[in-house]
Amino acid sequence: MTFAKELIDSEITEPEKKECMNEATFIIAENIDLCRLGLKCIIHDQIQSPLIHYVSTKTELHSTLLTHSEAVVILDFDSLAINSIDEVSILSICFPQSNWLFVADIPDETFLMPLTASFGKANFVLKTNEYDVIATAILDTISGKKYYCSEALQIIMDGHNRKKESIGKKGLLTSTELELVQLFTQGKTAKEIAELRCLSHHTINTHRKNIFRKLELNNVQELIKFALKNGLVDLTEYYI
């Protein structure tokens, strides 16, 4: 509950709301016209005389921030073909007075986990959320508060719980077993590992059985999935 409390604080008092509504500049980084129109309507419903800019590329986003450094950026990550969180995280560092609200079609854990880890001033909402949810997200973003829709918050919580569980399971393995996990994940057979480590095939098989037992897995395929998902191997080395 403590982590959830830190991530979401959606209560806005009337004085705070009025303060937000005095003057607000928005940069909508979205290429779908219908989404642009929907966001524009919600903003005009909530904010008095907002200034709204529309951008379609990362270059346009940067240029607009140069002249509106205190803007609220509403960004569709996929629409602008952004490759990683780092690309926009750098912009938030260059323009520290800006606040960011990410919108997406689905709550993707591979996007949300890095977002919460490296982007301190980012909020998140789904395009399919109810009007009140999106409106609250926009107002909280203006106020500099944290807001994640309930679907995203649940995925983040589940991800942290799995991370804690995987750390606990990782601690069950000896240094030798962790090294063998790396080798199995690289696609090496028990025979190849035995030759590489100058050990008997029987010894490697015993280690493998112990690894499966400790991690509650049944085969090498499950081990590879577990290792990749829980950071027991370097993804760069794996795909290379």
C-alpha atoms as a PDB file:
ATOM      1  CA  MET A   1       0.000   0.000   0.000  1.00  0.00           C
ATOM      2  CA  THR A   2       2.906   2.375   0.655  1.00  0.00           C
ATOM      3  CA  PHE A   3       4.195   2.015  -2.898  1.00  0.00           C
ATOM      4  CA  ALA A   4       0.689   2.554  -4.296  1.00  0.00           C
ATOM      5  CA  LYS A   5       0.322   5.671  -2.149  1.00  0.00           C
ATOM      6  CA  GLU A   6       3.504   7.112  -3.631  1.00  0.00           C
ATOM      7  CA  LEU A   7       2.404   6.418  -7.196  1.00  0.00           C
ATOM      8  CA  ILE A   8      -1.142   7.714  -7.104  1.00  0.00           C
ATOM      9  CA  ASP A   9      -2.679  10.676  -5.309  1.00  0.00           C
ATOM     10  CA  SER A  10      -5.672  11.624  -7.379  1.00  0.00           C
ATOM     11  CA  GLU A  11      -7.559  13.832  -4.896  1.00  0.00           C
ATOM     12  CA  ILE A  12      -7.664  17.459  -6.074  1.00  0.00           C
ATOM     13  CA  THR A  13      -9.133  20.124  -3.818  1.00  0.00           C
ATOM     14  CA  GLU A  14     -11.125  22.966  -5.331  1.00  0.00           C
ATOM     15  CA  PRO A  15      -8.490  25.672  -4.601  1.00  0.00           C
ATOM     16  CA  GLU A  16      -5.809  23.530  -6.227  1.00  0.00           C
ATOM     17  CA  LYS A  17      -8.020  22.950  -9.250  1.00  0.00           C
ATOM     18  CA  LYS A  18      -8.668  26.685  -9.663  1.00  0.00           C
ATOM     19  CA  GLU A  19      -4.958  27.395  -9.445  1.00  0.00           C
ATOM     20  CA  CYS A  20      -4.311  24.826 -12.176  1.00  0.00           C
ATOM     21  CA  MET A  21      -6.931  26.463 -14.379  1.00  0.00           C
ATOM     22  CA  ASN A  22      -5.430  29.972 -14.398  1.00  0.00           C
ATOM     23  CA  GLU A  23      -3.039  29.431 -17.291  1.00  0.00           C
ATOM     24  CA  ALA A  24      -1.844  26.181 -18.782  1.00  0.00           C
ATOM     25  CA  THR A  25       0.100  25.316 -21.917  1.00  0.00           C
ATOM     26  CA  PHE A  26      -0.155  21.865 -23.448  1.00  0.00           C
ATOM     27  CA  ILE A  27       1.871  20.029 -26.042  1.00  0.00           C
ATOM     28  CA  ILE A  28      -0.098  17.134 -27.483  1.00  0.00           C
ATOM     29  CA  ALA A  29       2.352  14.713 -29.098  1.00  0.00           C
ATOM     30  CA  GLU A  30      -0.104  12.488 -30.904  1.00  0.00           C
ATOM     31  CA  ASN A  31      -0.598  11.680 -34.592  1.00  0.00           C
ATOM     32  CA  ILE A  32      -4.141  10.295 -34.491  1.00  0.00           C
ATOM     33  CA  ASP A  33      -6.640  13.071 -35.205  1.00  0.00           C
ATOM     34  CA  LEU A  34      -9.457  11.513 -33.181  1.00  0.00           C
ATOM     35  CA  CYS A  35      -7.213  11.212 -30.111  1.00  0.00           C
ATOM     36  CA  ARG A  36      -6.059  14.800 -30.548  1.00  0.00           C
ATOM     37  CA  LEU A  37      -9.668  15.978 -30.697  1.00  0.00           C
ATOM     38  CA  GLY A  38     -10.655  13.949 -27.637  1.00  0.00           C
ATOM     39  CA  LEU A  39      -7.765  15.311 -25.570  1.00  0.00           C
ATOM     40  CA  LYS A  40      -8.514  18.852 -26.747  1.00  0.00           C
ATOM     41  CA  CYS A  41     -12.158  18.555 -25.650  1.00  0.00           C
ATOM     42  CA  ILE A  42     -11.223  17.225 -22.196  1.00  0.00           C
ATOM     43  CA  ILE A  43      -8.631  19.971 -21.710  1.00  0.00           C
ATOM     44  CA  HIS A  44     -11.096  22.713 -22.688  1.00  0.00           C
ATOM     45  CA  ASP A  45     -13.676  21.247 -20.304  1.00  0.00           C
ATOM     46  CA  GLN A  46     -11.236  21.386 -17.385  1.00  0.00           C
ATOM     47  CA  ILE A  47      -8.984  24.373 -18.085  1.00  0.00           C
ATOM     48  CA  GLN A  48      -9.802  28.026 -18.697  1.00  0.00           C
ATOM     49  CA  SER A  49      -8.313  29.300 -21.978  1.00  0.00           C
ATOM     50  CA  PRO A  50      -5.613  26.655 -22.434  1.00  0.00           C
ATOM     51  CA  LEU A  51      -2.879  27.093 -25.023  1.00  0.00           C
ATOM     52  CA  ILE A  52      -2.527  23.865 -27.003  1.00  0.00           C
ATOM     53  CA  HIS A  53       0.251  22.944 -29.427  1.00  0.00           C
ATOM     54  CA  TYR A  54       0.245  19.796 -31.551  1.00  0.00           C
ATOM     55  CA  VAL A  55       3.419  17.996 -32.591  1.00  0.00           C
ATOM     56  CA  SER A  56       3.937  14.945 -34.780  1.00  0.00           C
ATOM     57  CA  THR A  57       7.649  14.172 -34.418  1.00  0.00           C
ATOM     58  CA  LYS A  58      10.364  14.102 -31.769  1.00  0.00           C
ATOM     59  CA  THR A  59      12.037  17.065 -33.481  1.00  0.00           C
ATOM     60  CA  GLU A  60       8.837  19.113 -33.291  1.00  0.00           C
ATOM     61  CA  LEU A  61       8.420  18.154 -29.640  1.00  0.00           C
ATOM     62  CA  HIS A  62      11.914  19.401 -28.799  1.00  0.00           C
ATOM     63  CA  SER A  63      11.437  22.637 -30.763  1.00  0.00           C
ATOM     64  CA  THR A  64       8.118  23.379 -29.065  1.00  0.00           C
ATOM     65  CA  LEU A  65       9.595  22.742 -25.619  1.00  0.00           C
ATOM     66  CA  LEU A  66      12.314  25.282 -26.386  1.00  0.00           C
ATOM     67  CA  THR A  67       9.664  28.011 -26.479  1.00  0.00           C
ATOM     68  CA  HIS A  68       7.246  26.462 -23.964  1.00  0.00           C
ATOM     69  CA  SER A  69       9.483  24.861 -21.361  1.00  0.00           C
ATOM     70  CA  GLU A  70       6.770  24.803 -18.668  1.00  0.00           C
ATOM     71  CA  ALA A  71       4.236  22.976 -20.818  1.00  0.00           C
ATOM     72  CA  VAL A  72       2.321  19.852 -19.915  1.00  0.00           C
ATOM     73  CA  VAL A  73       3.323  17.250 -22.494  1.00  0.00           C
ATOM     74  CA  ILE A  74       0.688  14.641 -23.348  1.00  0.00           C
ATOM     75  CA  LEU A  75       2.569  11.998 -25.270  1.00  0.00           C
ATOM     76  CA  ASP A  76       1.577   8.870 -27.176  1.00  0.00           C
ATOM     77  CA  PHE A  77       4.816   6.885 -27.038  1.00  0.00           C
ATOM     78  CA  ASP A  78       3.996   4.689 -30.044  1.00  0.00           C
ATOM     79  CA  SER A  79       2.555   7.468 -32.178  1.00  0.00           C
ATOM     80  CA  LEU A  80       5.861   9.356 -32.255  1.00  0.00           C
ATOM     81  CA  ALA A  81       7.890   6.180 -32.894  1.00  0.00           C
ATOM     82  CA  ILE A  82      10.040   6.725 -29.806  1.00  0.00           C
ATOM     83  CA  ASN A  83      12.469   3.865 -29.258  1.00  0.00           C
ATOM     84  CA  SER A  84      13.013   4.067 -25.504  1.00  0.00           C
ATOM     85  CA  ILE A  85      12.068   5.883 -22.323  1.00  0.00           C
ATOM     86  CA  ASP A  86      15.544   7.431 -22.291  1.00  0.00           C
ATOM     87  CA  GLU A  87      14.753   9.526 -25.368  1.00  0.00           C
ATOM     88  CA  VAL A  88      12.027  11.465 -23.581  1.00  0.00           C
ATOM     89  CA  SER A  89      13.573  11.182 -20.134  1.00  0.00           C
ATOM     90  CA  ILE A  90      16.443  13.297 -21.445  1.00  0.00           C
ATOM     91  CA  LEU A  91      13.938  15.925 -22.591  1.00  0.00           C
ATOM     92  CA  SER A  92      12.411  16.055 -19.119  1.00  0.00           C
ATOM     93  CA  ILE A  93      15.889  16.676 -17.696  1.00  0.00           C
ATOM     94  CA  CYS A  94      16.567  19.436 -20.245  1.00  0.00           C
ATOM     95  CA  PHE A  95      13.178  21.006 -19.466  1.00  0.00           C
ATOM     96  CA  PRO A  96      12.738  20.379 -15.721  1.00  0.00           C
ATOM     97  CA  GLN A  97       9.657  22.619 -15.437  1.00  0.00           C
ATOM     98  CA  SER A  98       7.661  20.458 -17.844  1.00  0.00           C
ATOM     99  CA  ASN A  99       5.262  17.768 -16.658  1.00  0.00           C
ATOM    100  CA  TRP A 100       4.438  14.647 -18.652  1.00  0.00           C
ATOM    101  CA  LEU A 101       1.367  12.498 -19.175  1.00  0.00           C
ATOM    102  CA  PHE A 102       1.781   9.355 -21.270  1.00  0.00           C
ATOM    103  CA  VAL A 103      -1.254   7.903 -23.032  1.00  0.00           C
ATOM    104  CA  ALA A 104      -1.390   4.431 -24.540  1.00  0.00           C
ATOM    105  CA  ASP A 105      -3.749   1.811 -25.925  1.00  0.00           C
ATOM    106  CA  ILE A 106      -2.663  -0.923 -23.493  1.00  0.00           C
ATOM    107  CA  PRO A 107      -0.770  -0.997 -20.163  1.00  0.00           C
ATOM    108  CA  ASP A 108       2.499  -2.635 -21.252  1.00  0.00           C
ATOM    109  CA  GLU A 109       4.763  -3.781 -18.409  1.00  0.00           C
ATOM    110  CA  THR A 110       7.899  -3.481 -20.580  1.00  0.00           C
ATOM    111  CA  PHE A 111       7.058   0.224 -20.898  1.00  0.00           C
ATOM    112  CA  LEU A 112       5.629   0.935 -17.449  1.00  0.00           C
ATOM    113  CA  MET A 113       8.429  -0.545 -15.336  1.00  0.00           C
ATOM    114  CA  PRO A 114      11.216   1.552 -16.950  1.00  0.00           C
ATOM    115  CA  LEU A 115       8.874   4.554 -16.865  1.00  0.00           C
ATOM    116  CA  THR A 116       8.441   4.401 -13.091  1.00  0.00           C
ATOM    117  CA  ALA A 117      12.127   3.636 -12.567  1.00  0.00           C
ATOM    118  CA  SER A 118      13.714   6.422 -14.612  1.00  0.00           C
ATOM    119  CA  PHE A 119      11.095   9.092 -15.304  1.00  0.00           C
ATOM    120  CA  GLY A 120      10.228  10.911 -12.117  1.00  0.00           C
ATOM    121  CA  LYS A 121       7.731  13.419 -13.555  1.00  0.00           C
ATOM    122  CA  ALA A 122       5.689  11.091 -15.753  1.00  0.00           C
ATOM    123  CA  ASN A 123       2.080  10.008 -15.351  1.00  0.00           C
ATOM    124  CA  PHE A 124       0.177   7.366 -17.293  1.00  0.00           C
ATOM    125  CA  VAL A 125      -3.372   6.820 -18.493  1.00  0.00           C
ATOM    126  CA  LEU A 126      -5.085   4.628 -21.086  1.00  0.00           C
ATOM    127  CA  LYS A 127      -6.946   6.006 -24.086  1.00  0.00           C
ATOM    128  CA  THR A 128      -9.792   3.664 -23.167  1.00  0.00           C
ATOM    129  CA  ASN A 129     -10.166   5.057 -19.640  1.00  0.00           C
ATOM    130  CA  GLU A 130     -13.329   6.872 -18.636  1.00  0.00           C
ATOM    131  CA  TYR A 131     -13.569  10.634 -19.122  1.00  0.00           C
ATOM    132  CA  ASP A 132     -13.206  11.364 -15.394  1.00  0.00           C
ATOM    133  CA  VAL A 133     -10.025   9.289 -15.167  1.00  0.00           C
ATOM    134  CA  ILE A 134      -8.343  11.099 -18.062  1.00  0.00           C
ATOM    135  CA  ALA A 135      -9.507  14.483 -16.768  1.00  0.00           C
ATOM    136  CA  THR A 136      -8.104  13.744 -13.306  1.00  0.00           C
ATOM    137  CA  ALA A 137      -4.831  12.580 -14.856  1.00  0.00           C
ATOM    138  CA  ILE A 138      -4.522  15.839 -16.777  1.00  0.00           C
ATOM    139  CA  LEU A 139      -5.255  17.990 -13.707  1.00  0.00           C
ATOM    140  CA  ASP A 140      -2.843  16.015 -11.534  1.00  0.00           C
ATOM    141  CA  THR A 141      -0.140  16.342 -14.182  1.00  0.00           C
ATOM    142  CA  ILE A 142      -0.583  20.113 -14.240  1.00  0.00           C
ATOM    143  CA  SER A 143      -0.257  20.158 -10.445  1.00  0.00           C
ATOM    144  CA  GLY A 144       2.913  18.059 -10.533  1.00  0.00           C
ATOM    145  CA  LYS A 145       1.178  15.161  -8.769  1.00  0.00           C
ATOM    146  CA  LYS A 146       1.609  11.497  -9.576  1.00  0.00           C
ATOM    147  CA  TYR A 147      -1.201   9.721 -11.374  1.00  0.00           C
ATOM    148  CA  TYR A 148      -1.390   6.237 -12.827  1.00  0.00           C
ATOM    149  CA  CYS A 149      -4.677   4.730 -13.933  1.00  0.00           C
ATOM    150  CA  SER A 150      -5.736   1.653 -11.954  1.00  0.00           C
ATOM    151  CA  GLU A 151      -4.851  -0.766 -14.781  1.00  0.00           C
ATOM    152  CA  ALA A 152      -1.305   0.562 -14.997  1.00  0.00           C
ATOM    153  CA  LEU A 153      -0.907   0.678 -11.236  1.00  0.00           C
ATOM    154  CA  GLN A 154      -1.893  -2.980 -10.951  1.00  0.00           C
ATOM    155  CA  ILE A 155       0.675  -4.013 -13.556  1.00  0.00           C
ATOM    156  CA  ILE A 156       3.383  -1.993 -11.807  1.00  0.00           C
ATOM    157  CA  MET A 157       2.532  -3.566  -8.456  1.00  0.00           C
ATOM    158  CA  ASP A 158       2.529  -7.057  -9.982  1.00  0.00           C
ATOM    159  CA  GLY A 159       5.890  -6.354 -11.601  1.00  0.00           C
ATOM    160  CA  HIS A 160       7.432  -5.254  -8.301  1.00  0.00           C
ATOM    161  CA  ASN A 161       6.022  -8.309  -6.539  1.00  0.00           C
ATOM    162  CA  ARG A 162       7.500 -10.607  -9.186  1.00  0.00           C
ATOM    163  CA  LYS A 163      10.818  -8.794  -8.914  1.00  0.00           C
ATOM    164  CA  LYS A 164      10.896  -9.372  -5.161  1.00  0.00           C
ATOM    165  CA  GLU A 165      10.028 -13.023  -5.715  1.00  0.00           C
ATOM    166  CA  SER A 166      12.712 -13.473  -8.362  1.00  0.00           C
ATOM    167  CA  ILE A 167      15.336 -11.828  -6.144  1.00  0.00           C
ATOM    168  CA  GLY A 168      14.402 -14.275  -3.422  1.00  0.00           C
ATOM    169  CA  LYS A 169      14.699 -17.233  -5.787  1.00  0.00           C
ATOM    170  CA  LYS A 170      17.973 -15.940  -7.190  1.00  0.00           C
ATOM    171  CA  GLY A 171      19.351 -15.950  -3.658  1.00  0.00           C
ATOM    172  CA  LEU A 172      18.650 -19.684  -3.474  1.00  0.00           C
ATOM    173  CA  LEU A 173      21.223 -20.424  -6.178  1.00  0.00           C
ATOM    174  CA  THR A 174      24.928 -20.866  -5.536  1.00  0.00           C
ATOM    175  CA  SER A 175      27.480 -18.950  -7.609  1.00  0.00           C
ATOM    176  CA  THR A 176      28.166 -22.120  -9.605  1.00  0.00           C
ATOM    177  CA  GLU A 177      24.468 -22.613 -10.297  1.00  0.00           C
ATOM    178  CA  LEU A 178      24.115 -18.991 -11.439  1.00  0.00           C
ATOM    179  CA  GLU A 179      27.011 -19.513 -13.858  1.00  0.00           C
ATOM    180  CA  LEU A 180      25.334 -22.641 -15.205  1.00  0.00           C
ATOM    181  CA  VAL A 181      22.062 -20.714 -15.687  1.00  0.00           C
ATOM    182  CA  GLN A 182      24.003 -18.307 -17.895  1.00  0.00           C
ATOM    183  CA  LEU A 183      25.398 -21.167 -19.958  1.00  0.00           C
ATOM    184  CA  PHE A 184      22.067 -22.966 -20.313  1.00  0.00           C
ATOM    185  CA  THR A 185      20.467 -19.702 -21.420  1.00  0.00           C
ATOM    186  CA  GLN A 186      23.119 -19.380 -24.125  1.00  0.00           C
ATOM    187  CA  GLY A 187      21.819 -22.656 -25.536  1.00  0.00           C
ATOM    188  CA  LYS A 188      24.671 -24.901 -24.412  1.00  0.00           C
ATOM    189  CA  THR A 189      23.877 -28.544 -23.680  1.00  0.00           C
ATOM    190  CA  ALA A 190      24.817 -30.347 -20.475  1.00  0.00           C
ATOM    191  CA  LYS A 191      27.538 -32.186 -22.398  1.00  0.00           C
ATOM    192  CA  GLU A 192      29.011 -28.948 -23.775  1.00  0.00           C
ATOM    193  CA  ILE A 193      28.961 -27.341 -20.333  1.00  0.00           C
ATOM    194  CA  ALA A 194      30.639 -30.397 -18.810  1.00  0.00           C
ATOM    195  CA  GLU A 195      33.482 -30.144 -21.325  1.00  0.00           C
ATOM    196  CA  LEU A 196      33.745 -26.380 -20.853  1.00  0.00           C
ATOM    197  CA  ARG A 197      33.867 -26.637 -17.042  1.00  0.00           C
ATOM    198  CA  CYS A 198      35.990 -29.807 -17.004  1.00  0.00           C
ATOM    199  CA  LEU A 199      33.296 -31.620 -15.043  1.00  0.00           C
ATOM    200  CA  SER A 200      31.458 -34.849 -15.590  1.00  0.00           C
ATOM    201  CA  HIS A 201      28.152 -34.953 -17.435  1.00  0.00           C
ATOM    202  CA  HIS A 202      26.623 -36.458 -14.290  1.00  0.00           C
ATOM    203  CA  THR A 203      27.737 -33.479 -12.168  1.00  0.00           C
ATOM    204  CA  ILE A 204      26.183 -30.974 -14.594  1.00  0.00           C
ATOM    205  CA  ASN A 205      22.930 -32.931 -14.629  1.00  0.00           C
ATOM    206  CA  THR A 206      22.878 -32.894 -10.817  1.00  0.00           C
ATOM    207  CA  HIS A 207      23.379 -29.130 -10.793  1.00  0.00           C
ATOM    208  CA  ARG A 208      20.614 -28.742 -13.369  1.00  0.00           C
ATOM    209  CA  LYS A 209      18.178 -30.787 -11.280  1.00  0.00           C
ATOM    210  CA  ASN A 210      19.014 -28.686  -8.215  1.00  0.00           C
ATOM    211  CA  ILE A 211      18.412 -25.476 -10.173  1.00  0.00           C
ATOM    212  CA  PHE A 212      15.038 -26.728 -11.410  1.00  0.00           C
ATOM    213  CA  ARG A 213      14.060 -27.766  -7.886  1.00  0.00           C
ATOM    214  CA  LYS A 214      15.059 -24.473  -6.285  1.00  0.00           C
ATOM    215  CA  LEU A 215      13.349 -22.324  -8.932  1.00  0.00           C
ATOM    216  CA  GLU A 216      10.354 -24.666  -9.207  1.00  0.00           C
ATOM    217  CA  LEU A 217      10.894 -25.204 -12.942  1.00  0.00           C
ATOM    218  CA  ASN A 218      10.569 -28.306 -15.094  1.00  0.00           C
ATOM    219  CA  ASN A 219      12.908 -27.912 -18.054  1.00  0.00           C
ATOM    220  CA  VAL A 220      15.548 -25.757 -19.746  1.00  0.00           C
ATOM    221  CA  GLN A 221      12.942 -23.849 -21.777  1.00  0.00           C
ATOM    222  CA  GLU A 222      11.250 -22.691 -18.571  1.00  0.00           C
ATOM    223  CA  LEU A 223      14.658 -21.849 -17.117  1.00  0.00           C
ATOM    224  CA  ILE A 224      15.502 -19.652 -20.109  1.00  0.00           C
ATOM    225  CA  LYS A 225      12.189 -17.791 -19.830  1.00  0.00           C
ATOM    226  CA  PHE A 226      12.678 -17.320 -16.088  1.00  0.00           C
ATOM    227  CA  ALA A 227      16.262 -16.098 -16.520  1.00  0.00           C
ATOM    228  CA  LEU A 228      15.352 -13.590 -19.238  1.00  0.00           C
ATOM    229  CA  LYS A 229      12.284 -12.303 -17.405  1.00  0.00           C
ATOM    230  CA  ASN A 230      14.020 -11.900 -14.051  1.00  0.00           C
ATOM    231  CA  GLY A 231      17.345 -10.442 -15.102  1.00  0.00           C
ATOM    232  CA  LEU A 232      19.565 -13.450 -14.454  1.00  0.00           C
ATOM    233  CA  VAL A 233      21.192 -12.973 -17.844  1.00  0.00           C
ATOM    234  CA  ASP A 234      22.328 -10.026 -19.939  1.00  0.00           C
ATOM    235  CA  LEU A 235      19.687  -9.509 -22.638  1.00  0.00           C
ATOM    236  CA  THR A 236      22.221  -7.867 -24.953  1.00  0.00           C
ATOM    237  CA  GLU A 237      24.514 -10.865 -24.861  1.00  0.00           C
ATOM    238  CA  TYR A 238      21.569 -13.226 -25.287  1.00  0.00           C
ATOM    239  CA  TYR A 239      20.268 -11.627 -28.476  1.00  0.00           C
ATOM    240  CA  ILE A 240      23.732 -11.076 -29.946  1.00  0.00           C
END
